[in-house]
Amino acid sequence: MSNEIVVTGASGWLGGHTCRVLHRLGWEVVGVSRTPRIARGQHPRWRWIGIGAELEYAVARAGRVLDVGGRLRELIDAGRSSRFEVTDRVARGLSRTTVQDPVLVSASGYRVHRGEELLATPTTKGDLVFGGFDATTEDTAARAAPAARSAIMRIGLVLGADGGVFPVLRRPFDAGHGVVLGSGRQWLPWIHLTDAVGLLVDAISDPGYAGVINAVAPEPARYRDLARATGDVLGVPWGTRVPEDHVVRTFGGASALLLQSHRLRPDTALACNYCFAHPDITGAVEDVLVGSQAAGITSSTHRSPCCRESPCSVTTPLVTGCGTRAACHASPSQTARRATPSASRTWID
């Protein structure tokens, strides 16, 4: 069996951390970039290809795709047509593959306001944070379904020290006075970076991940819980509220993830016996902040997550100790021994 896996978004923050774990587990990472020569210079351990016909060939050869590119500027700043071309080539490549048990794992997002309602079942594509781009990613997974097992990972706010939105959210706390965005009562769909990577790697190997999946922590939290945990660890007050209109001006469309209420539960991951390394937000925030202090990372040293260069501006440890059970962090040879996906594949958690 081939040990190749094609990864869109491999040069991004979440994709980069995931690729490091895959590489450590013995996978041969084939990164996808509009500028493969530049990407190769930044990440020489991985093989790089462009988004032309070579992408379709690579997907057909590998039979395994991790699509973290649906939410990355590197693949969408050329316009919607480029993203459509990438997703179409992925779908065509999977339809041609002869690899046993092919799989497509796609990262997607949320944009739904349900107040206090607890959602174990993911919502419709109309509720996606990144609108058409996330919907296109999910459409690709749907088209790949007859040929491959598809796992659409609806990922919440990822908490990490060296990328994502959390370094931006902690800036007022680093300045000595934390804030609460909006009312603070809104439920926040969050997940620690370690568990986000763990779930993505898990989904590649475990046939129990199929359809649309909530990729969030098992213990929901309100935004004020995030602010309280951050303030307590850093030893600063955190009660000042920032009006919603100011948050919208600052974060644009992504403000929906911060202001609207998303109370979610990761039923599929729990059914697959995934053991979260950081199930509660207090412990997760403490891990991120204490780890960043030890590594000398603050919000002022963090580079914008949209940066085209390295996924982070500092050298960070390899993501290790993911919370998943050991069998799920499988090497290519272990994956080959897995049972085939169930014939009763569903598209809802």
Protein backbone atom coordinates (compact mmCIF):
# COMPACT_ATOMS: atom_id res chain seq x y z
CA MET A 1 0.00 0.00 0.00
CA SER A 2 1.19 3.53 -0.79
CA ASN A 3 2.13 5.64 2.20
CA GLU A 4 1.39 8.89 0.37
CA ILE A 5 -1.22 11.39 1.49
CA VAL A 6 -2.06 14.56 -0.43
CA VAL A 7 -2.55 17.60 1.82
CA THR A 8 -3.98 20.93 0.70
CA GLY A 9 -3.09 23.68 3.15
CA ALA A 10 0.11 21.88 4.20
CA SER A 11 1.95 25.19 4.44
CA GLY A 12 -0.69 26.72 6.73
CA TRP A 13 -0.85 26.68 10.50
CA LEU A 14 -3.21 23.77 11.23
CA GLY A 15 -2.14 21.90 8.10
CA GLY A 16 1.53 22.32 8.95
CA HIS A 17 1.13 20.94 12.47
CA THR A 18 -0.90 18.01 11.13
CA CYS A 19 1.69 17.24 8.46
CA ARG A 20 4.45 17.12 11.07
CA VAL A 21 2.52 14.44 12.96
CA LEU A 22 1.78 12.52 9.76
CA HIS A 23 5.46 12.67 8.81
CA ARG A 24 6.46 11.36 12.24
CA LEU A 25 3.99 8.48 11.83
CA GLY A 26 5.57 7.43 8.54
CA TRP A 27 3.31 9.06 5.97
CA GLU A 28 4.85 10.61 2.87
CA VAL A 29 3.26 14.06 2.73
CA VAL A 30 2.50 15.51 -0.70
CA GLY A 31 1.73 19.19 -0.15
CA VAL A 32 -0.40 21.22 -2.56
CA SER A 33 0.46 24.84 -3.30
CA ARG A 34 -0.03 27.42 -6.02
CA THR A 35 3.69 28.15 -5.54
CA PRO A 36 5.27 24.71 -4.93
CA ARG A 37 8.83 25.98 -5.41
CA ILE A 38 8.44 28.48 -2.57
CA ALA A 39 6.68 25.93 -0.38
CA ARG A 40 9.46 23.40 -1.02
CA GLY A 41 12.03 25.87 0.22
CA GLN A 42 10.10 26.41 3.44
CA HIS A 43 9.19 22.76 4.07
CA PRO A 44 11.79 20.57 2.33
CA ARG A 45 10.76 17.39 4.17
CA TRP A 46 7.59 17.13 2.10
CA ARG A 47 7.06 16.70 -1.63
CA TRP A 48 5.22 19.60 -3.24
CA ILE A 49 2.99 19.83 -6.30
CA GLY A 50 0.93 22.57 -7.95
CA ILE A 51 -2.82 22.77 -8.49
CA GLY A 52 -2.80 21.67 -12.14
CA ALA A 53 -3.17 18.22 -13.67
CA GLU A 54 -0.46 16.90 -11.34
CA LEU A 55 -2.89 17.29 -8.43
CA GLU A 56 -5.45 14.95 -9.96
CA TYR A 57 -2.71 12.41 -10.71
CA ALA A 58 -1.30 12.61 -7.17
CA VAL A 59 -4.75 12.12 -5.63
CA ALA A 60 -5.44 9.09 -7.83
CA ARG A 61 -2.06 7.62 -6.90
CA ALA A 62 -2.32 8.22 -3.15
CA GLY A 63 -6.04 7.62 -2.65
CA ARG A 64 -5.91 9.66 0.56
CA VAL A 65 -6.51 13.38 0.83
CA LEU A 66 -6.45 15.77 3.78
CA ASP A 67 -8.08 19.01 2.66
CA VAL A 68 -7.18 21.72 5.15
CA GLY A 69 -6.97 24.23 2.30
CA GLY A 70 -10.65 25.12 2.11
CA ARG A 71 -10.14 27.81 4.77
CA LEU A 72 -6.64 28.97 3.82
CA ARG A 73 -5.91 32.22 2.02
CA GLU A 74 -3.04 30.60 0.12
CA LEU A 75 -5.49 28.64 -2.00
CA ILE A 76 -8.38 31.12 -2.22
CA ASP A 77 -6.75 34.49 -2.76
CA ALA A 78 -6.58 33.80 -6.50
CA GLY A 79 -10.36 33.82 -6.51
CA ARG A 80 -13.25 31.42 -6.30
CA SER A 81 -12.46 29.80 -9.66
CA SER A 82 -9.07 28.55 -8.41
CA ARG A 83 -10.68 26.91 -5.40
CA PHE A 84 -13.27 25.25 -7.63
CA GLU A 85 -10.46 23.93 -9.84
CA VAL A 86 -8.65 22.43 -6.84
CA THR A 87 -11.74 20.74 -5.43
CA ASP A 88 -12.79 19.41 -8.84
CA ARG A 89 -9.38 17.85 -9.39
CA VAL A 90 -9.50 16.24 -5.96
CA ALA A 91 -12.91 14.73 -6.72
CA ARG A 92 -11.81 13.45 -10.14
CA GLY A 93 -8.62 11.98 -8.71
CA LEU A 94 -10.51 10.07 -6.03
CA SER A 95 -12.92 8.72 -8.64
CA ARG A 96 -9.94 7.27 -10.55
CA THR A 97 -7.94 5.83 -7.66
CA THR A 98 -7.34 2.10 -7.35
CA VAL A 99 -6.16 2.37 -3.73
CA GLN A 100 -8.13 0.22 -1.30
CA ASP A 101 -10.34 2.21 1.11
CA PRO A 102 -9.66 5.72 -0.25
CA VAL A 103 -10.53 8.63 2.03
CA LEU A 104 -11.07 12.38 1.91
CA VAL A 105 -10.88 14.30 5.20
CA SER A 106 -11.97 17.93 4.80
CA ALA A 107 -11.76 20.80 7.30
CA SER A 108 -14.82 23.05 7.29
CA GLY A 109 -16.44 25.58 9.63
CA TYR A 110 -19.57 26.93 11.34
CA ARG A 111 -21.91 29.87 11.18
CA VAL A 112 -25.08 29.12 13.09
CA HIS A 113 -26.83 30.89 15.95
CA ARG A 114 -28.90 28.52 18.07
CA GLY A 115 -28.74 30.15 21.49
CA GLU A 116 -28.80 27.56 24.27
CA GLU A 117 -29.63 24.59 22.03
CA LEU A 118 -27.10 21.73 22.21
CA LEU A 119 -26.30 20.50 18.69
CA ALA A 120 -24.97 16.98 18.35
CA THR A 121 -25.96 16.99 14.66
CA PRO A 122 -24.07 19.38 12.34
CA THR A 123 -26.10 22.04 10.59
CA THR A 124 -26.59 22.81 6.91
CA LYS A 125 -24.06 24.28 4.49
CA GLY A 126 -25.87 27.59 4.65
CA ASP A 127 -24.52 27.98 8.18
CA LEU A 128 -20.81 27.87 7.28
CA VAL A 129 -18.48 30.59 8.53
CA PHE A 130 -16.58 30.91 5.27
CA GLY A 131 -19.70 30.62 3.13
CA GLY A 132 -19.10 29.50 -0.45
CA PHE A 133 -15.55 28.30 0.13
CA ASP A 134 -16.50 25.93 2.93
CA ALA A 135 -19.61 24.88 0.98
CA THR A 136 -17.41 24.08 -2.02
CA THR A 137 -15.19 21.91 0.19
CA GLU A 138 -18.22 20.01 1.46
CA ASP A 139 -19.62 19.61 -2.05
CA THR A 140 -16.34 18.01 -3.08
CA ALA A 141 -16.59 15.52 -0.25
CA ALA A 142 -20.16 14.72 -1.29
CA ARG A 143 -19.05 14.09 -4.90
CA ALA A 144 -16.22 11.87 -3.64
CA ALA A 145 -18.59 9.81 -1.48
CA PRO A 146 -19.29 7.04 -4.04
CA ALA A 147 -15.55 6.48 -4.52
CA ALA A 148 -14.13 7.25 -1.08
CA ARG A 149 -15.04 7.54 2.57
CA SER A 150 -15.53 11.22 3.25
CA ALA A 151 -15.18 12.87 6.65
CA ILE A 152 -16.16 16.55 6.78
CA MET A 153 -14.68 17.97 9.96
CA ARG A 154 -16.58 21.06 11.11
CA ILE A 155 -13.75 22.56 13.19
CA GLY A 156 -14.41 25.19 15.83
CA LEU A 157 -12.09 27.87 17.20
CA VAL A 158 -8.67 26.22 17.50
CA LEU A 159 -6.69 27.26 20.58
CA GLY A 160 -2.95 27.37 19.94
CA ALA A 161 -0.05 29.59 20.92
CA ASP A 162 1.59 30.07 17.55
CA GLY A 163 -1.28 30.55 15.12
CA GLY A 164 -5.00 30.85 14.54
CA VAL A 165 -7.09 33.57 16.16
CA PHE A 166 -6.19 33.00 19.83
CA PRO A 167 -2.96 35.08 19.74
CA VAL A 168 -5.11 37.97 18.51
CA LEU A 169 -7.74 37.45 21.21
CA ARG A 170 -5.11 37.45 23.97
CA ARG A 171 -3.51 40.78 22.98
CA PRO A 172 -5.59 42.88 25.43
CA PHE A 173 -4.69 40.42 28.20
CA ASP A 174 -0.98 40.72 27.37
CA ALA A 175 -1.43 44.49 27.63
CA GLY A 176 -2.72 44.03 31.18
CA HIS A 177 -6.49 44.25 30.78
CA GLY A 178 -8.55 41.43 29.29
CA VAL A 179 -11.86 41.83 27.49
CA VAL A 180 -15.05 39.91 26.78
CA LEU A 181 -16.34 40.06 23.23
CA GLY A 182 -20.05 40.79 22.99
CA SER A 183 -22.25 39.65 25.86
CA GLY A 184 -19.90 36.84 26.84
CA ARG A 185 -22.87 34.47 27.18
CA GLN A 186 -22.50 33.08 23.66
CA TRP A 187 -21.39 29.46 23.41
CA LEU A 188 -18.00 29.05 21.77
CA PRO A 189 -17.20 25.99 19.59
CA TRP A 190 -13.59 25.52 20.61
CA ILE A 191 -10.89 22.85 20.44
CA HIS A 192 -7.23 22.69 21.49
CA LEU A 193 -4.67 22.46 18.67
CA THR A 194 -3.50 19.06 19.91
CA ASP A 195 -7.01 17.64 19.63
CA ALA A 196 -7.73 19.33 16.28
CA VAL A 197 -4.63 17.64 14.86
CA GLY A 198 -5.52 14.40 16.62
CA LEU A 199 -9.01 14.29 15.13
CA LEU A 200 -7.77 15.01 11.61
CA VAL A 201 -5.17 12.24 11.86
CA ASP A 202 -7.71 9.93 13.48
CA ALA A 203 -10.21 10.51 10.69
CA ILE A 204 -7.72 9.44 8.03
CA SER A 205 -7.34 5.98 9.57
CA ASP A 206 -10.61 5.22 11.35
CA PRO A 207 -13.62 4.27 9.17
CA GLY A 208 -15.90 5.36 11.98
CA TYR A 209 -15.39 8.95 10.83
CA ALA A 210 -17.78 9.42 7.91
CA GLY A 211 -20.12 12.23 6.92
CA VAL A 212 -20.35 15.61 8.63
CA ILE A 213 -18.64 15.64 12.04
CA ASN A 214 -18.43 18.13 14.89
CA ALA A 215 -14.70 18.61 15.56
CA VAL A 216 -14.98 20.45 18.87
CA ALA A 217 -14.10 19.82 22.51
CA PRO A 218 -16.55 17.69 24.51
CA GLU A 219 -17.21 20.33 27.18
CA PRO A 220 -18.91 23.42 25.70
CA ALA A 221 -17.88 26.81 27.06
CA ARG A 222 -19.15 30.36 26.84
CA TYR A 223 -16.91 33.17 25.64
CA ARG A 224 -16.70 34.57 29.15
CA ASP A 225 -15.21 31.21 30.24
CA LEU A 226 -12.42 31.71 27.70
CA ALA A 227 -11.84 35.26 28.95
CA ARG A 228 -11.88 34.17 32.60
CA ALA A 229 -9.41 31.33 31.99
CA THR A 230 -7.07 33.62 30.04
CA GLY A 231 -7.21 36.35 32.68
CA ASP A 232 -6.67 33.92 35.55
CA VAL A 233 -3.58 32.35 33.98
CA LEU A 234 -2.05 35.71 33.04
CA GLY A 235 -3.12 37.35 36.30
CA VAL A 236 -5.03 40.26 34.74
CA PRO A 237 -8.64 41.51 35.01
CA TRP A 238 -10.91 40.31 32.24
CA GLY A 239 -14.40 41.77 32.68
CA THR A 240 -14.46 44.69 30.22
CA ARG A 241 -16.97 44.11 27.42
CA VAL A 242 -16.33 44.97 23.78
CA PRO A 243 -19.54 45.92 21.89
CA GLU A 244 -20.56 43.59 19.09
CA ASP A 245 -20.32 46.25 16.37
CA HIS A 246 -16.67 46.84 17.26
CA VAL A 247 -15.98 43.09 17.08
CA VAL A 248 -17.57 42.95 13.62
CA ARG A 249 -15.40 45.83 12.40
CA THR A 250 -12.29 44.11 13.75
CA PHE A 251 -12.88 40.51 12.64
CA GLY A 252 -15.22 40.92 9.68
CA GLY A 253 -17.08 37.77 8.62
CA ALA A 254 -15.16 35.65 11.12
CA SER A 255 -16.87 37.58 13.94
CA ALA A 256 -19.82 35.19 13.57
CA LEU A 257 -17.70 32.44 15.10
CA LEU A 258 -16.99 34.68 18.11
CA LEU A 259 -20.35 36.40 18.65
CA GLN A 260 -23.00 33.89 17.66
CA SER A 261 -23.86 31.01 19.96
CA HIS A 262 -22.60 27.58 18.90
CA ARG A 263 -23.19 24.91 21.55
CA LEU A 264 -21.88 21.72 19.98
CA ARG A 265 -21.02 18.17 20.99
CA PRO A 266 -18.51 15.84 19.22
CA ASP A 267 -20.64 12.68 19.17
CA THR A 268 -18.74 10.91 16.37
CA ALA A 269 -15.34 11.42 17.99
CA LEU A 270 -16.66 10.12 21.31
CA ALA A 271 -18.28 7.13 19.60
CA CYS A 272 -14.90 6.36 18.01
CA ASN A 273 -13.37 6.37 21.52
CA TYR A 274 -11.29 9.46 20.92
CA CYS A 275 -9.85 10.57 24.27
CA PHE A 276 -9.48 14.33 24.29
CA ALA A 277 -6.17 15.62 25.67
CA HIS A 278 -7.84 18.91 26.65
CA PRO A 279 -11.58 18.41 27.25
CA ASP A 280 -12.23 21.58 29.31
CA ILE A 281 -11.43 25.14 28.33
CA THR A 282 -9.70 26.07 31.60
CA GLY A 283 -7.10 23.36 31.22
CA ALA A 284 -6.75 24.00 27.49
CA VAL A 285 -6.10 27.72 27.93
CA GLU A 286 -3.64 27.05 30.74
CA ASP A 287 -1.74 24.59 28.53
CA VAL A 288 -1.57 27.05 25.64
CA LEU A 289 -0.50 30.03 27.75
CA VAL A 290 1.98 28.23 30.00
CA GLY A 291 3.49 26.52 26.97
CA SER A 292 3.76 29.80 25.09
CA GLN A 293 5.41 31.51 28.06
CA ALA A 294 7.99 28.72 28.27
CA ALA A 295 8.71 29.10 24.54
CA GLY A 296 8.76 32.90 24.69
CA ILE A 297 5.66 33.28 22.51
CA THR A 298 3.38 36.27 23.07
CA SER A 299 0.80 37.97 20.92
CA SER A 300 3.49 40.46 19.88
CA THR A 301 5.77 37.71 18.47
CA HIS A 302 2.94 35.99 16.62
CA ARG A 303 2.82 36.46 12.87
CA SER A 304 -0.49 36.93 11.09
CA PRO A 305 -2.19 33.60 10.32
CA CYS A 306 -2.58 34.76 6.71
CA CYS A 307 1.20 34.99 6.25
CA ARG A 308 2.42 33.09 3.22
CA GLU A 309 5.68 32.05 4.81
CA SER A 310 6.21 29.78 7.79
CA PRO A 311 3.04 28.67 9.62
CA CYS A 312 4.39 30.53 12.65
CA SER A 313 7.10 33.06 13.35
CA VAL A 314 8.81 31.02 16.03
CA THR A 315 10.16 27.53 16.33
CA THR A 316 7.64 25.40 18.20
CA PRO A 317 7.82 21.83 19.43
CA LEU A 318 6.32 19.07 17.34
CA VAL A 319 2.73 18.46 18.31
CA THR A 320 2.96 15.28 20.35
CA GLY A 321 0.86 13.39 22.81
CA CYS A 322 -2.40 13.89 20.95
CA GLY A 323 -5.32 12.74 23.02
CA THR A 324 -6.49 10.06 20.64
CA ARG A 325 -6.01 6.40 21.51
CA ALA A 326 -2.73 5.07 20.12
CA ALA A 327 -4.42 2.80 17.58
CA CYS A 328 -5.98 5.77 15.84
CA HIS A 329 -2.69 7.55 15.22
CA ALA A 330 -1.91 4.88 12.70
CA SER A 331 1.01 4.57 10.37
CA PRO A 332 0.32 3.71 6.70
CA SER A 333 0.92 0.01 7.36
CA GLN A 334 -1.49 0.06 10.30
CA THR A 335 -4.09 1.81 8.17
CA ALA A 336 -3.89 -0.99 5.61
CA ARG A 337 -5.03 -3.47 8.25
CA ARG A 338 -8.16 -1.50 9.19
CA ALA A 339 -11.60 -2.82 8.46
CA THR A 340 -13.33 -1.44 5.40
CA PRO A 341 -15.84 1.40 5.98
CA SER A 342 -19.33 0.37 6.91
CA ALA A 343 -21.76 0.05 4.02
CA SER A 344 -24.32 1.99 6.05
CA ARG A 345 -22.41 5.26 5.62
CA THR A 346 -24.31 8.29 6.85
CA TRP A 347 -23.87 11.99 6.30
CA ILE A 348 -24.88 13.19 9.72
CA ASP A 349 -23.31 12.61 13.13
